[in-house]
C-alpha atoms as a PDB file:
ATOM      1  CA  MET A   1    -121.133  23.404 167.045  1.00  0.00           C
ATOM      2  CA  SER A   2    -119.406  24.633 170.188  1.00  0.00           C
ATOM      3  CA  ALA A   3    -117.830  28.008 170.839  1.00  0.00           C
ATOM      4  CA  ALA A   4    -115.174  29.322 173.152  1.00  0.00           C
ATOM      5  CA  PRO A   5    -116.446  31.475 176.063  1.00  0.00           C
ATOM      6  CA  PRO A   6    -117.450  34.972 174.887  1.00  0.00           C
ATOM      7  CA  SER A   7    -114.920  37.750 175.353  1.00  0.00           C
ATOM      8  CA  ALA A   8    -113.653  40.919 173.739  1.00  0.00           C
ATOM      9  CA  CYS A   9    -111.513  38.745 171.474  1.00  0.00           C
ATOM     10  CA  THR A  10    -111.305  40.009 167.903  1.00  0.00           C
ATOM     11  CA  VAL A  11    -111.041  36.429 166.602  1.00  0.00           C
ATOM     12  CA  GLY A  12    -113.496  33.661 167.440  1.00  0.00           C
ATOM     13  CA  LEU A  13    -112.886  29.932 167.738  1.00  0.00           C
ATOM     14  CA  GLN A  14    -115.594  27.287 167.372  1.00  0.00           C
ATOM     15  CA  THR A  15    -115.522  23.550 166.843  1.00  0.00           C
ATOM     16  CA  ASP A  16    -117.764  21.543 164.559  1.00  0.00           C
ATOM     17  CA  GLY A  17    -116.865  17.919 165.149  1.00  0.00           C
ATOM     18  CA  PRO A  18    -113.297  17.421 163.925  1.00  0.00           C
ATOM     19  CA  VAL A  19    -113.134  20.914 162.388  1.00  0.00           C
ATOM     20  CA  SER A  20    -112.074  24.093 164.194  1.00  0.00           C
ATOM     21  CA  ILE A  21    -113.440  27.346 162.764  1.00  0.00           C
ATOM     22  CA  VAL A  22    -111.338  30.477 163.286  1.00  0.00           C
ATOM     23  CA  THR A  23    -113.278  33.672 162.511  1.00  0.00           C
ATOM     24  CA  LEU A  24    -112.014  37.238 162.247  1.00  0.00           C
ATOM     25  CA  GLN A  25    -114.466  39.324 164.279  1.00  0.00           C
ATOM     26  CA  ARG A  26    -114.088  43.031 163.480  1.00  0.00           C
ATOM     27  CA  PRO A  27    -116.984  43.258 160.999  1.00  0.00           C
ATOM     28  CA  GLU A  28    -117.530  46.956 161.666  1.00  0.00           C
ATOM     29  CA  ARG A  29    -114.040  47.528 160.171  1.00  0.00           C
ATOM     30  CA  LEU A  30    -114.334  44.778 157.510  1.00  0.00           C
ATOM     31  CA  ASN A  31    -111.963  42.753 159.737  1.00  0.00           C
ATOM     32  CA  ALA A  32    -109.161  45.239 159.138  1.00  0.00           C
ATOM     33  CA  ILE A  33    -105.973  44.376 160.973  1.00  0.00           C
ATOM     34  CA  ASN A  34    -104.861  45.982 164.205  1.00  0.00           C
ATOM     35  CA  ALA A  35    -102.545  44.779 166.960  1.00  0.00           C
ATOM     36  CA  GLU A  36    -105.326  43.015 168.856  1.00  0.00           C
ATOM     37  CA  LEU A  37    -106.513  41.074 165.833  1.00  0.00           C
ATOM     38  CA  LEU A  38    -102.976  39.912 165.068  1.00  0.00           C
ATOM     39  CA  ARG A  39    -102.497  38.741 168.640  1.00  0.00           C
ATOM     40  CA  ASP A  40    -105.872  37.015 168.836  1.00  0.00           C
ATOM     41  CA  LEU A  41    -105.629  35.373 165.412  1.00  0.00           C
ATOM     42  CA  ASN A  42    -102.304  33.770 166.147  1.00  0.00           C
ATOM     43  CA  ALA A  43    -103.520  32.590 169.562  1.00  0.00           C
ATOM     44  CA  GLN A  44    -106.676  30.994 168.127  1.00  0.00           C
ATOM     45  CA  LEU A  45    -104.780  29.337 165.281  1.00  0.00           C
ATOM     46  CA  GLN A  46    -102.261  27.957 167.753  1.00  0.00           C
ATOM     47  CA  THR A  47    -105.089  26.629 169.929  1.00  0.00           C
ATOM     48  CA  ALA A  48    -106.721  24.936 166.948  1.00  0.00           C
ATOM     49  CA  GLN A  49    -103.428  23.441 165.780  1.00  0.00           C
ATOM     50  CA  ALA A  50    -102.762  22.069 169.287  1.00  0.00           C
ATOM     51  CA  ASP A  51    -106.255  20.622 169.804  1.00  0.00           C
ATOM     52  CA  ALA A  52    -106.050  16.838 169.630  1.00  0.00           C
ATOM     53  CA  ALA A  53    -109.690  16.566 168.499  1.00  0.00           C
ATOM     54  CA  THR A  54    -109.201  18.974 165.584  1.00  0.00           C
ATOM     55  CA  ARG A  55    -108.220  17.408 162.272  1.00  0.00           C
ATOM     56  CA  ALA A  56    -108.769  20.405 159.974  1.00  0.00           C
ATOM     57  CA  ILE A  57    -109.136  24.165 160.391  1.00  0.00           C
ATOM     58  CA  VAL A  58    -111.371  26.652 158.567  1.00  0.00           C
ATOM     59  CA  LEU A  59    -110.289  30.297 158.496  1.00  0.00           C
ATOM     60  CA  THR A  60    -112.973  32.883 157.688  1.00  0.00           C
ATOM     61  CA  GLY A  61    -114.215  36.386 158.468  1.00  0.00           C
ATOM     62  CA  ALA A  62    -117.473  37.697 159.938  1.00  0.00           C
ATOM     63  CA  GLY A  63    -119.594  40.259 158.155  1.00  0.00           C
ATOM     64  CA  ARG A  64    -119.131  41.594 154.623  1.00  0.00           C
ATOM     65  CA  ALA A  65    -115.447  40.755 154.131  1.00  0.00           C
ATOM     66  CA  PHE A  66    -112.774  38.255 154.965  1.00  0.00           C
ATOM     67  CA  CYS A  67    -110.130  40.886 155.733  1.00  0.00           C
ATOM     68  CA  ALA A  68    -109.703  44.419 154.376  1.00  0.00           C
ATOM     69  CA  GLY A  69    -105.980  44.561 155.184  1.00  0.00           C
ATOM     70  CA  ASP A  70    -104.287  46.987 157.546  1.00  0.00           C
ATOM     71  CA  ASP A  71    -106.526  49.285 159.551  1.00  0.00           C
ATOM     72  CA  LEU A  72    -105.148  52.616 158.353  1.00  0.00           C
ATOM     73  CA  LYS A  73    -106.540  54.286 161.463  1.00  0.00           C
ATOM     74  CA  ALA A  74    -104.045  52.241 163.489  1.00  0.00           C
ATOM     75  CA  PHE A  75    -101.051  53.102 161.291  1.00  0.00           C
ATOM     76  CA  ASP A  76     -99.750  55.901 163.514  1.00  0.00           C
ATOM     77  CA  ASP A  77     -99.576  53.567 166.505  1.00  0.00           C
ATOM     78  CA  GLN A  78     -98.050  50.751 164.478  1.00  0.00           C
ATOM     79  CA  SER A  79     -95.349  52.999 163.011  1.00  0.00           C
ATOM     80  CA  ALA A  80     -94.718  55.149 166.083  1.00  0.00           C
ATOM     81  CA  THR A  81     -91.295  53.670 166.894  1.00  0.00           C
ATOM     82  CA  PRO A  82     -88.853  51.204 165.325  1.00  0.00           C
ATOM     83  CA  ALA A  83     -89.876  48.736 168.046  1.00  0.00           C
ATOM     84  CA  SER A  84     -93.593  49.023 167.218  1.00  0.00           C
ATOM     85  CA  MET A  85     -92.839  48.601 163.512  1.00  0.00           C
ATOM     86  CA  ALA A  86     -90.757  45.505 164.204  1.00  0.00           C
ATOM     87  CA  GLN A  87     -93.493  44.061 166.416  1.00  0.00           C
ATOM     88  CA  MET A  88     -96.111  44.604 163.707  1.00  0.00           C
ATOM     89  CA  CYS A  89     -94.003  42.734 161.149  1.00  0.00           C
ATOM     90  CA  GLU A  90     -93.296  39.910 163.569  1.00  0.00           C
ATOM     91  CA  ASP A  91     -96.976  39.535 164.479  1.00  0.00           C
ATOM     92  CA  VAL A  92     -98.052  39.350 160.818  1.00  0.00           C
ATOM     93  CA  GLN A  93     -95.349  36.853 159.932  1.00  0.00           C
ATOM     94  CA  ARG A  94     -96.061  34.707 162.990  1.00  0.00           C
ATOM     95  CA  ILE A  95     -99.504  34.052 161.516  1.00  0.00           C
ATOM     96  CA  THR A  96     -97.973  32.962 158.210  1.00  0.00           C
ATOM     97  CA  ARG A  97     -95.704  30.559 160.087  1.00  0.00           C
ATOM     98  CA  THR A  98     -98.636  29.160 162.066  1.00  0.00           C
ATOM     99  CA  LEU A  99    -100.813  28.742 158.973  1.00  0.00           C
ATOM    100  CA  MET A 100     -98.113  27.115 156.874  1.00  0.00           C
ATOM    101  CA  GLY A 101     -96.000  25.424 159.525  1.00  0.00           C
ATOM    102  CA  GLY A 102     -98.749  23.798 161.586  1.00  0.00           C
ATOM    103  CA  PRO A 103     -99.481  20.122 160.887  1.00  0.00           C
ATOM    104  CA  LYS A 104    -103.222  20.558 160.275  1.00  0.00           C
ATOM    105  CA  LEU A 105    -104.550  21.657 156.921  1.00  0.00           C
ATOM    106  CA  VAL A 106    -106.199  25.076 156.840  1.00  0.00           C
ATOM    107  CA  VAL A 107    -109.140  25.724 154.513  1.00  0.00           C
ATOM    108  CA  GLY A 108    -109.857  29.370 153.751  1.00  0.00           C
ATOM    109  CA  ALA A 109    -113.496  30.471 153.398  1.00  0.00           C
ATOM    110  CA  VAL A 110    -113.063  33.866 151.789  1.00  0.00           C
ATOM    111  CA  HIS A 111    -115.609  36.454 150.684  1.00  0.00           C
ATOM    112  CA  GLY A 112    -115.997  40.179 150.110  1.00  0.00           C
ATOM    113  CA  TYR A 113    -112.465  41.543 150.329  1.00  0.00           C
ATOM    114  CA  ALA A 114    -109.068  39.940 150.880  1.00  0.00           C
ATOM    115  CA  VAL A 115    -106.670  42.869 150.878  1.00  0.00           C
ATOM    116  CA  GLY A 116    -102.983  43.125 151.761  1.00  0.00           C
ATOM    117  CA  ALA A 117    -102.234  40.710 154.597  1.00  0.00           C
ATOM    118  CA  GLY A 118    -105.759  39.334 154.107  1.00  0.00           C
ATOM    119  CA  PHE A 119    -104.775  38.265 150.589  1.00  0.00           C
ATOM    120  CA  GLU A 120    -101.487  36.944 151.949  1.00  0.00           C
ATOM    121  CA  TRP A 121    -103.325  34.783 154.491  1.00  0.00           C
ATOM    122  CA  LEU A 122    -105.528  33.457 151.690  1.00  0.00           C
ATOM    123  CA  LEU A 123    -102.358  32.395 149.889  1.00  0.00           C
ATOM    124  CA  ASN A 124    -100.990  30.868 153.107  1.00  0.00           C
ATOM    125  CA  CYS A 125    -103.991  28.512 153.388  1.00  0.00           C
ATOM    126  CA  ASP A 126    -103.703  24.935 152.118  1.00  0.00           C
ATOM    127  CA  LEU A 127    -107.071  25.008 150.338  1.00  0.00           C
ATOM    128  CA  VAL A 128    -109.344  27.961 149.558  1.00  0.00           C
ATOM    129  CA  VAL A 129    -113.052  28.266 148.845  1.00  0.00           C
ATOM    130  CA  ALA A 130    -113.913  31.708 147.463  1.00  0.00           C
ATOM    131  CA  ALA A 131    -117.317  33.337 147.223  1.00  0.00           C
ATOM    132  CA  ASP A 132    -118.053  34.807 143.812  1.00  0.00           C
ATOM    133  CA  ASP A 133    -118.163  38.301 145.345  1.00  0.00           C
ATOM    134  CA  LEU A 134    -114.510  38.132 146.388  1.00  0.00           C
ATOM    135  CA  VAL A 135    -112.090  40.892 145.392  1.00  0.00           C
ATOM    136  CA  ALA A 136    -108.441  40.379 146.318  1.00  0.00           C
ATOM    137  CA  PHE A 137    -105.440  42.638 145.835  1.00  0.00           C
ATOM    138  CA  LEU A 138    -102.124  43.757 147.287  1.00  0.00           C
ATOM    139  CA  PRO A 139    -102.064  47.546 147.870  1.00  0.00           C
ATOM    140  CA  GLU A 140     -98.705  47.630 149.629  1.00  0.00           C
ATOM    141  CA  MET A 141     -96.687  49.167 146.793  1.00  0.00           C
ATOM    142  CA  GLN A 142     -99.245  51.939 146.299  1.00  0.00           C
ATOM    143  CA  LEU A 143     -99.005  52.760 150.008  1.00  0.00           C
ATOM    144  CA  GLY A 144     -95.217  52.523 150.132  1.00  0.00           C
ATOM    145  CA  HIS A 145     -95.462  49.309 152.181  1.00  0.00           C
ATOM    146  CA  PHE A 146     -93.965  45.885 151.490  1.00  0.00           C
ATOM    147  CA  VAL A 147     -95.553  42.432 151.424  1.00  0.00           C
ATOM    148  CA  THR A 148     -94.807  40.316 154.493  1.00  0.00           C
ATOM    149  CA  GLY A 149     -96.531  36.920 154.225  1.00  0.00           C
ATOM    150  CA  GLY A 150     -93.857  35.020 152.313  1.00  0.00           C
ATOM    151  CA  ILE A 151     -95.459  36.282 149.104  1.00  0.00           C
ATOM    152  CA  THR A 152     -92.161  37.013 147.343  1.00  0.00           C
ATOM    153  CA  HIS A 153     -91.531  33.270 147.535  1.00  0.00           C
ATOM    154  CA  LEU A 154     -95.032  31.816 147.223  1.00  0.00           C
ATOM    155  CA  LEU A 155     -96.557  33.942 144.469  1.00  0.00           C
ATOM    156  CA  PRO A 156     -93.831  33.439 141.813  1.00  0.00           C
ATOM    157  CA  LEU A 157     -94.030  29.687 142.444  1.00  0.00           C
ATOM    158  CA  ALA A 158     -97.774  29.788 141.816  1.00  0.00           C
ATOM    159  CA  VAL A 159     -98.074  32.174 138.864  1.00  0.00           C
ATOM    160  CA  GLY A 160     -94.561  32.880 137.551  1.00  0.00           C
ATOM    161  CA  HIS A 161     -92.189  35.808 137.969  1.00  0.00           C
ATOM    162  CA  GLN A 162     -93.792  38.340 135.627  1.00  0.00           C
ATOM    163  CA  ARG A 163     -97.362  37.740 136.768  1.00  0.00           C
ATOM    164  CA  ALA A 164     -96.278  37.880 140.425  1.00  0.00           C
ATOM    165  CA  MET A 165     -94.457  41.152 139.771  1.00  0.00           C
ATOM    166  CA  GLU A 166     -97.589  42.551 138.109  1.00  0.00           C
ATOM    167  CA  LEU A 167     -99.877  41.535 140.972  1.00  0.00           C
ATOM    168  CA  ILE A 168     -97.575  42.973 143.635  1.00  0.00           C
ATOM    169  CA  VAL A 169     -96.441  46.185 141.915  1.00  0.00           C
ATOM    170  CA  LEU A 170     -99.700  47.159 140.204  1.00  0.00           C
ATOM    171  CA  GLY A 171    -102.012  45.900 142.941  1.00  0.00           C
ATOM    172  CA  GLU A 172    -104.416  44.555 140.348  1.00  0.00           C
ATOM    173  CA  ARG A 173    -107.834  43.700 141.753  1.00  0.00           C
ATOM    174  CA  LEU A 174    -108.690  40.071 141.132  1.00  0.00           C
ATOM    175  CA  SER A 175    -112.132  38.488 141.141  1.00  0.00           C
ATOM    176  CA  ALA A 176    -112.781  35.000 142.466  1.00  0.00           C
ATOM    177  CA  THR A 177    -112.982  33.749 138.880  1.00  0.00           C
ATOM    178  CA  GLN A 178    -109.579  35.257 138.053  1.00  0.00           C
ATOM    179  CA  LEU A 179    -108.060  33.816 141.210  1.00  0.00           C
ATOM    180  CA  HIS A 180    -109.410  30.392 140.258  1.00  0.00           C
ATOM    181  CA  ALA A 181    -107.978  30.689 136.736  1.00  0.00           C
ATOM    182  CA  LEU A 182    -104.583  31.502 138.261  1.00  0.00           C
ATOM    183  CA  GLY A 183    -104.783  28.469 140.534  1.00  0.00           C
ATOM    184  CA  LEU A 184    -104.841  30.605 143.696  1.00  0.00           C
ATOM    185  CA  VAL A 185    -108.203  29.313 144.955  1.00  0.00           C
ATOM    186  CA  ASN A 186    -109.631  25.817 144.663  1.00  0.00           C
ATOM    187  CA  ARG A 187    -113.346  26.465 144.327  1.00  0.00           C
ATOM    188  CA  VAL A 188    -115.696  29.365 143.598  1.00  0.00           C
ATOM    189  CA  VAL A 189    -119.202  29.261 145.079  1.00  0.00           C
ATOM    190  CA  PRO A 190    -122.148  31.698 145.206  1.00  0.00           C
ATOM    191  CA  ALA A 191    -121.986  34.537 147.713  1.00  0.00           C
ATOM    192  CA  GLY A 192    -123.012  33.335 151.152  1.00  0.00           C
ATOM    193  CA  GLN A 193    -121.902  29.765 150.476  1.00  0.00           C
ATOM    194  CA  ALA A 194    -118.148  29.989 151.083  1.00  0.00           C
ATOM    195  CA  LEU A 195    -118.270  28.924 154.726  1.00  0.00           C
ATOM    196  CA  PRO A 196    -120.634  25.934 154.236  1.00  0.00           C
ATOM    197  CA  ALA A 197    -118.564  24.774 151.255  1.00  0.00           C
ATOM    198  CA  ALA A 198    -115.306  25.198 153.181  1.00  0.00           C
ATOM    199  CA  LEU A 199    -116.733  23.245 156.117  1.00  0.00           C
ATOM    200  CA  ALA A 200    -117.729  20.408 153.800  1.00  0.00           C
ATOM    201  CA  LEU A 201    -114.241  20.398 152.306  1.00  0.00           C
ATOM    202  CA  ALA A 202    -112.638  20.487 155.763  1.00  0.00           C
ATOM    203  CA  ARG A 203    -114.761  17.527 156.899  1.00  0.00           C
ATOM    204  CA  THR A 204    -113.456  15.554 153.925  1.00  0.00           C
ATOM    205  CA  VAL A 205    -109.896  16.525 154.857  1.00  0.00           C
ATOM    206  CA  ALA A 206    -110.626  15.421 158.441  1.00  0.00           C
ATOM    207  CA  GLU A 207    -111.473  11.925 157.180  1.00  0.00           C
ATOM    208  CA  ARG A 208    -107.907  11.455 155.964  1.00  0.00           C
ATOM    209  CA  ALA A 209    -105.183  10.078 158.218  1.00  0.00           C
ATOM    210  CA  PRO A 210    -103.790  13.098 160.117  1.00  0.00           C
ATOM    211  CA  HIS A 211    -100.222  11.800 160.181  1.00  0.00           C
ATOM    212  CA  ALA A 212    -100.317  11.465 156.386  1.00  0.00           C
ATOM    213  CA  THR A 213    -101.803  14.902 155.721  1.00  0.00           C
ATOM    214  CA  ALA A 214     -99.285  16.477 158.107  1.00  0.00           C
ATOM    215  CA  LEU A 215     -96.425  14.834 156.227  1.00  0.00           C
ATOM    216  CA  LEU A 216     -97.924  15.874 152.882  1.00  0.00           C
ATOM    217  CA  LYS A 217     -98.198  19.474 154.041  1.00  0.00           C
ATOM    218  CA  LYS A 218     -94.573  19.409 155.175  1.00  0.00           C
ATOM    219  CA  ALA A 219     -93.472  17.896 151.856  1.00  0.00           C
ATOM    220  CA  LEU A 220     -95.406  20.348 149.688  1.00  0.00           C
ATOM    221  CA  ILE A 221     -94.265  23.413 151.584  1.00  0.00           C
ATOM    222  CA  GLY A 222     -90.907  21.771 151.302  1.00  0.00           C
ATOM    223  CA  GLN A 223     -88.552  24.648 150.729  1.00  0.00           C
ATOM    224  CA  SER A 224     -88.809  25.847 154.295  1.00  0.00           C
ATOM    225  CA  ALA A 225     -85.360  27.444 154.111  1.00  0.00           C
ATOM    226  CA  ALA A 226     -86.434  29.434 151.051  1.00  0.00           C
ATOM    227  CA  LEU A 227     -89.658  30.514 152.756  1.00  0.00           C
ATOM    228  CA  ALA A 228     -87.757  31.514 155.892  1.00  0.00           C
ATOM    229  CA  ALA A 229     -85.305  33.531 153.796  1.00  0.00           C
ATOM    230  CA  ALA A 230     -88.185  35.273 152.001  1.00  0.00           C
ATOM    231  CA  LEU A 231     -89.865  36.134 155.301  1.00  0.00           C
ATOM    232  CA  GLU A 232     -86.654  37.638 156.651  1.00  0.00           C
ATOM    233  CA  MET A 233     -86.062  39.663 153.483  1.00  0.00           C
ATOM    234  CA  GLU A 234     -89.669  40.865 153.596  1.00  0.00           C
ATOM    235  CA  ARG A 235     -89.306  41.818 157.260  1.00  0.00           C
ATOM    236  CA  GLN A 236     -86.233  43.945 156.559  1.00  0.00           C
ATOM    237  CA  SER A 237     -87.886  45.536 153.522  1.00  0.00           C
ATOM    238  CA  ALA A 238     -91.113  46.248 155.416  1.00  0.00           C
ATOM    239  CA  LEU A 239     -89.204  47.956 158.225  1.00  0.00           C
ATOM    240  CA  ALA A 240     -87.338  50.113 155.720  1.00  0.00           C
ATOM    241  CA  CYS A 241     -90.628  51.054 154.037  1.00  0.00           C
ATOM    242  CA  PHE A 242     -92.399  51.778 157.326  1.00  0.00           C
ATOM    243  CA  ALA A 243     -89.592  54.145 158.291  1.00  0.00           C
ATOM    244  CA  HIS A 244     -89.691  56.067 155.004  1.00  0.00           C
ATOM    245  CA  PRO A 245     -91.506  59.434 155.211  1.00  0.00           C
ATOM    246  CA  GLU A 246     -93.235  58.894 151.865  1.00  0.00           C
ATOM    247  CA  THR A 247     -95.044  55.859 153.302  1.00  0.00           C
ATOM    248  CA  ALA A 248     -96.629  57.921 156.076  1.00  0.00           C
ATOM    249  CA  ALA A 249     -97.737  60.517 153.518  1.00  0.00           C
ATOM    250  CA  ARG A 250     -99.243  57.888 151.224  1.00  0.00           C
ATOM    251  CA  VAL A 251    -101.075  56.181 154.090  1.00  0.00           C
ATOM    252  CA  ALA A 252    -102.410  59.519 155.328  1.00  0.00           C
ATOM    253  CA  ALA A 253    -103.677  60.357 151.856  1.00  0.00           C
ATOM    254  CA  ALA A 254    -105.324  56.946 151.513  1.00  0.00           C
ATOM    255  CA  GLY A 255    -106.970  57.315 154.900  1.00  0.00           C
ATOM    256  CA  LYS A 256    -108.610  60.569 153.797  1.00  0.00           C
ATOM    257  CA  LYS A 257    -110.249  59.041 150.724  1.00  0.00           C
ATOM    258  CA  PRO A 258    -114.029  58.532 150.943  1.00  0.00           C
ATOM    259  CA  GLY A 259    -115.015  55.044 152.122  1.00  0.00           C
END
């Protein structure tokens, strides 16, 4: 397994034969999202998608969680101006476009927590292996935020309108077993085994003809116009929510809670 040169990058990139492994690397913050992580994640995904030797990609997180969602400590900076709010939305959605629009299949190896955009990125993957300690939920409505990862399009397709509404509005916490029952993850494995299992799955994907899997991915995502429309609607809604004073109050209150 080879790694990119070490740096202060918040997202790592390694190769294991025909598989590129993209790893969120803010374990001290449970891989919570800030501007640097968004920038680095998109860059590493783009590099993996462009690498001629890579035939499948694994997306995972270092430490105790895949991704704990927005870093609430960075909220003031992210929401300081309309321009910073717009940039935040664009950076999050760029990752969704790279995950779903790139020709190479992405296998998620997800454990611990997948919260907010972390849950959205799970849903943006083509295949997902979940550890049995996984807890996933969408807290955006509780915080006065709005989902941004194409979820208003993808989730109703997967689970139906009423169940999607319930998951988004109520922010229900889902276990790996529940996610599997809903068809939102492919496999559930013991804690500590998500990455090895995802690598094995990615190696199988890599054995398939890349031109065929790229065409299959394009065909299954299919309604690209509908996804693009959902992303734009979500962007506008997220900006309106970010600008609302109640959102700042809710985020501040959440940031003061223990843990």
